[in-house]
Amino acid sequence: MPIRILIADDHGLIRAGLCALLESVPEIDVVGEAADGMSVLQRSTELKPDIVLMDVNMPGLGGIETTRRL
């Protein structure tokens, strides 16, 4: 069973690079992306990832506060 990952970063290029890198690993399944903390909370509820790979500095709700709320 692959590890399900949600990638959270406000920079699209960073998200795309991380997705490409992680999707090259057979044991990993990137299930979604988010550009801000509120989207992370919503997507986490919907997608139920095993891991959220989160940027600390995002607009609005930052990564640290988002992690607390998760």
N, C-alpha and C. Protein backbone atom coordinates (compact mmCIF):
# COMPACT_ATOMS: atom_id res chain seq x y z
N MET A 1 0.85 -1.18 0.00
CA MET A 1 0.00 0.00 0.00
C MET A 1 0.89 1.24 0.00
N PRO A 2 0.71 2.13 -0.99
CA PRO A 2 1.57 3.31 -1.06
C PRO A 2 1.27 4.32 0.05
N ILE A 3 2.26 5.14 0.33
CA ILE A 3 2.11 6.24 1.29
C ILE A 3 1.43 7.38 0.56
N ARG A 4 0.35 7.88 1.12
CA ARG A 4 -0.45 8.95 0.52
C ARG A 4 0.02 10.31 1.04
N ILE A 5 0.42 11.19 0.12
CA ILE A 5 1.00 12.48 0.50
C ILE A 5 0.21 13.63 -0.11
N LEU A 6 -0.01 14.65 0.72
CA LEU A 6 -0.59 15.93 0.28
C LEU A 6 0.54 16.96 0.35
N ILE A 7 0.76 17.67 -0.75
CA ILE A 7 1.83 18.68 -0.81
C ILE A 7 1.22 20.07 -0.65
N ALA A 8 1.76 20.84 0.29
CA ALA A 8 1.26 22.18 0.56
C ALA A 8 2.38 23.20 0.43
N ASP A 9 2.25 24.07 -0.56
CA ASP A 9 3.22 25.16 -0.77
C ASP A 9 2.53 26.21 -1.62
N ASP A 10 2.80 27.48 -1.32
CA ASP A 10 2.15 28.55 -2.07
C ASP A 10 2.79 28.82 -3.42
N HIS A 11 3.91 28.19 -3.71
CA HIS A 11 4.58 28.36 -5.00
C HIS A 11 4.31 27.14 -5.89
N GLY A 12 3.62 27.38 -6.99
CA GLY A 12 3.24 26.31 -7.90
C GLY A 12 4.41 25.53 -8.45
N LEU A 13 5.52 26.21 -8.73
CA LEU A 13 6.69 25.54 -9.28
C LEU A 13 7.30 24.57 -8.26
N ILE A 14 7.31 24.96 -7.00
CA ILE A 14 7.81 24.08 -5.93
C ILE A 14 6.90 22.85 -5.82
N ARG A 15 5.58 23.08 -5.80
CA ARG A 15 4.64 21.94 -5.74
C ARG A 15 4.84 20.99 -6.91
N ALA A 16 4.99 21.55 -8.09
CA ALA A 16 5.16 20.71 -9.29
C ALA A 16 6.45 19.89 -9.20
N GLY A 17 7.52 20.52 -8.75
CA GLY A 17 8.79 19.81 -8.61
C GLY A 17 8.72 18.69 -7.59
N LEU A 18 8.09 18.99 -6.44
CA LEU A 18 7.95 17.96 -5.41
C LEU A 18 7.07 16.82 -5.89
N CYS A 19 6.00 17.15 -6.59
CA CYS A 19 5.11 16.11 -7.14
C CYS A 19 5.89 15.20 -8.09
N ALA A 20 6.63 15.80 -9.00
CA ALA A 20 7.39 15.01 -9.98
C ALA A 20 8.40 14.11 -9.29
N LEU A 21 9.09 14.65 -8.31
CA LEU A 21 10.08 13.87 -7.58
C LEU A 21 9.44 12.72 -6.81
N LEU A 22 8.39 13.03 -6.06
CA LEU A 22 7.76 12.01 -5.23
C LEU A 22 7.00 10.97 -6.04
N GLU A 23 6.39 11.36 -7.14
CA GLU A 23 5.66 10.41 -7.97
C GLU A 23 6.57 9.43 -8.69
N SER A 24 7.87 9.72 -8.70
CA SER A 24 8.81 8.78 -9.32
C SER A 24 9.14 7.61 -8.38
N VAL A 25 8.67 7.69 -7.15
CA VAL A 25 8.89 6.62 -6.17
C VAL A 25 7.64 5.74 -6.13
N PRO A 26 7.76 4.46 -6.46
CA PRO A 26 6.59 3.59 -6.54
C PRO A 26 5.80 3.47 -5.23
N GLU A 27 6.45 3.62 -4.10
CA GLU A 27 5.79 3.47 -2.80
C GLU A 27 5.05 4.72 -2.35
N ILE A 28 5.06 5.78 -3.18
CA ILE A 28 4.45 7.06 -2.82
C ILE A 28 3.36 7.42 -3.82
N ASP A 29 2.23 7.90 -3.30
CA ASP A 29 1.13 8.38 -4.12
C ASP A 29 0.79 9.80 -3.67
N VAL A 30 1.07 10.78 -4.54
CA VAL A 30 0.72 12.17 -4.24
C VAL A 30 -0.78 12.30 -4.52
N VAL A 31 -1.56 12.47 -3.45
CA VAL A 31 -3.02 12.49 -3.60
C VAL A 31 -3.59 13.88 -3.81
N GLY A 32 -2.79 14.92 -3.55
CA GLY A 32 -3.30 16.26 -3.75
C GLY A 32 -2.29 17.34 -3.46
N GLU A 33 -2.71 18.56 -3.78
CA GLU A 33 -1.88 19.75 -3.56
C GLU A 33 -2.74 20.84 -2.95
N ALA A 34 -2.08 21.76 -2.24
CA ALA A 34 -2.76 22.91 -1.67
C ALA A 34 -1.80 24.09 -1.67
N ALA A 35 -2.36 25.30 -1.84
CA ALA A 35 -1.53 26.51 -1.92
C ALA A 35 -1.59 27.37 -0.67
N ASP A 36 -2.49 27.02 0.28
CA ASP A 36 -2.57 27.79 1.52
C ASP A 36 -3.13 26.89 2.63
N GLY A 37 -3.04 27.38 3.85
CA GLY A 37 -3.42 26.60 5.01
C GLY A 37 -4.87 26.16 5.04
N MET A 38 -5.77 27.05 4.66
CA MET A 38 -7.19 26.68 4.67
C MET A 38 -7.47 25.57 3.66
N SER A 39 -6.80 25.62 2.52
CA SER A 39 -6.95 24.56 1.52
C SER A 39 -6.41 23.24 2.05
N VAL A 40 -5.32 23.31 2.81
CA VAL A 40 -4.75 22.09 3.41
C VAL A 40 -5.78 21.44 4.33
N LEU A 41 -6.41 22.24 5.17
CA LEU A 41 -7.40 21.68 6.10
C LEU A 41 -8.55 21.03 5.34
N GLN A 42 -9.04 21.70 4.30
CA GLN A 42 -10.14 21.15 3.51
C GLN A 42 -9.71 19.88 2.77
N ARG A 43 -8.58 19.95 2.09
CA ARG A 43 -8.11 18.80 1.30
C ARG A 43 -7.76 17.61 2.18
N SER A 44 -7.22 17.88 3.38
CA SER A 44 -6.89 16.78 4.30
C SER A 44 -8.13 16.03 4.73
N THR A 45 -9.21 16.76 4.96
CA THR A 45 -10.47 16.14 5.34
C THR A 45 -11.00 15.27 4.20
N GLU A 46 -10.90 15.78 2.98
CA GLU A 46 -11.40 15.05 1.81
C GLU A 46 -10.53 13.85 1.45
N LEU A 47 -9.21 14.05 1.45
CA LEU A 47 -8.29 13.06 0.88
C LEU A 47 -7.70 12.08 1.88
N LYS A 48 -7.70 12.43 3.16
CA LYS A 48 -7.15 11.56 4.21
C LYS A 48 -5.71 11.09 3.90
N PRO A 49 -4.78 12.06 3.69
CA PRO A 49 -3.40 11.66 3.40
C PRO A 49 -2.72 11.08 4.64
N ASP A 50 -1.70 10.27 4.42
CA ASP A 50 -0.88 9.76 5.51
C ASP A 50 0.09 10.83 6.00
N ILE A 51 0.56 11.64 5.05
CA ILE A 51 1.56 12.67 5.33
C ILE A 51 1.16 13.96 4.62
N VAL A 52 1.34 15.10 5.30
CA VAL A 52 1.21 16.40 4.65
C VAL A 52 2.60 17.03 4.65
N LEU A 53 3.14 17.25 3.46
CA LEU A 53 4.43 17.90 3.30
C LEU A 53 4.14 19.38 3.15
N MET A 54 4.43 20.16 4.23
CA MET A 54 3.92 21.52 4.30
C MET A 54 5.02 22.58 4.40
N ASP A 55 4.82 23.63 3.62
CA ASP A 55 5.65 24.83 3.70
C ASP A 55 5.27 25.59 4.98
N VAL A 56 6.25 26.13 5.66
CA VAL A 56 5.98 26.87 6.90
C VAL A 56 5.39 28.24 6.58
N ASN A 57 5.90 28.89 5.55
CA ASN A 57 5.47 30.25 5.21
C ASN A 57 4.51 30.24 4.03
N MET A 58 3.23 30.33 4.34
CA MET A 58 2.20 30.43 3.30
C MET A 58 1.31 31.61 3.65
N PRO A 59 0.67 32.22 2.64
CA PRO A 59 -0.21 33.35 2.93
C PRO A 59 -1.43 32.91 3.74
N GLY A 60 -1.95 33.85 4.50
CA GLY A 60 -3.12 33.53 5.33
C GLY A 60 -2.72 32.65 6.50
N LEU A 61 -3.23 31.47 6.51
CA LEU A 61 -2.94 30.50 7.57
C LEU A 61 -1.63 29.80 7.23
N GLY A 62 -0.57 30.06 8.00
CA GLY A 62 0.74 29.50 7.73
C GLY A 62 0.83 28.02 8.10
N GLY A 63 1.95 27.43 7.74
CA GLY A 63 2.15 26.01 7.94
C GLY A 63 2.14 25.56 9.39
N ILE A 64 2.69 26.36 10.28
CA ILE A 64 2.73 25.98 11.70
C ILE A 64 1.34 25.96 12.29
N GLU A 65 0.56 27.00 12.07
CA GLU A 65 -0.80 27.04 12.59
C GLU A 65 -1.68 25.96 11.93
N THR A 66 -1.47 25.75 10.65
CA THR A 66 -2.23 24.70 9.97
C THR A 66 -1.93 23.34 10.57
N THR A 67 -0.66 23.09 10.86
CA THR A 67 -0.28 21.82 11.48
C THR A 67 -0.94 21.67 12.85
N ARG A 68 -0.99 22.74 13.62
CA ARG A 68 -1.68 22.68 14.91
C ARG A 68 -3.14 22.28 14.74
N ARG A 69 -3.78 22.85 13.73
CA ARG A 69 -5.21 22.59 13.52
C ARG A 69 -5.47 21.18 12.97
N LEU A 70 -4.50 20.65 12.26
CA LEU A 70 -4.66 19.27 11.75
C LEU A 70 -4.69 18.30 12.92
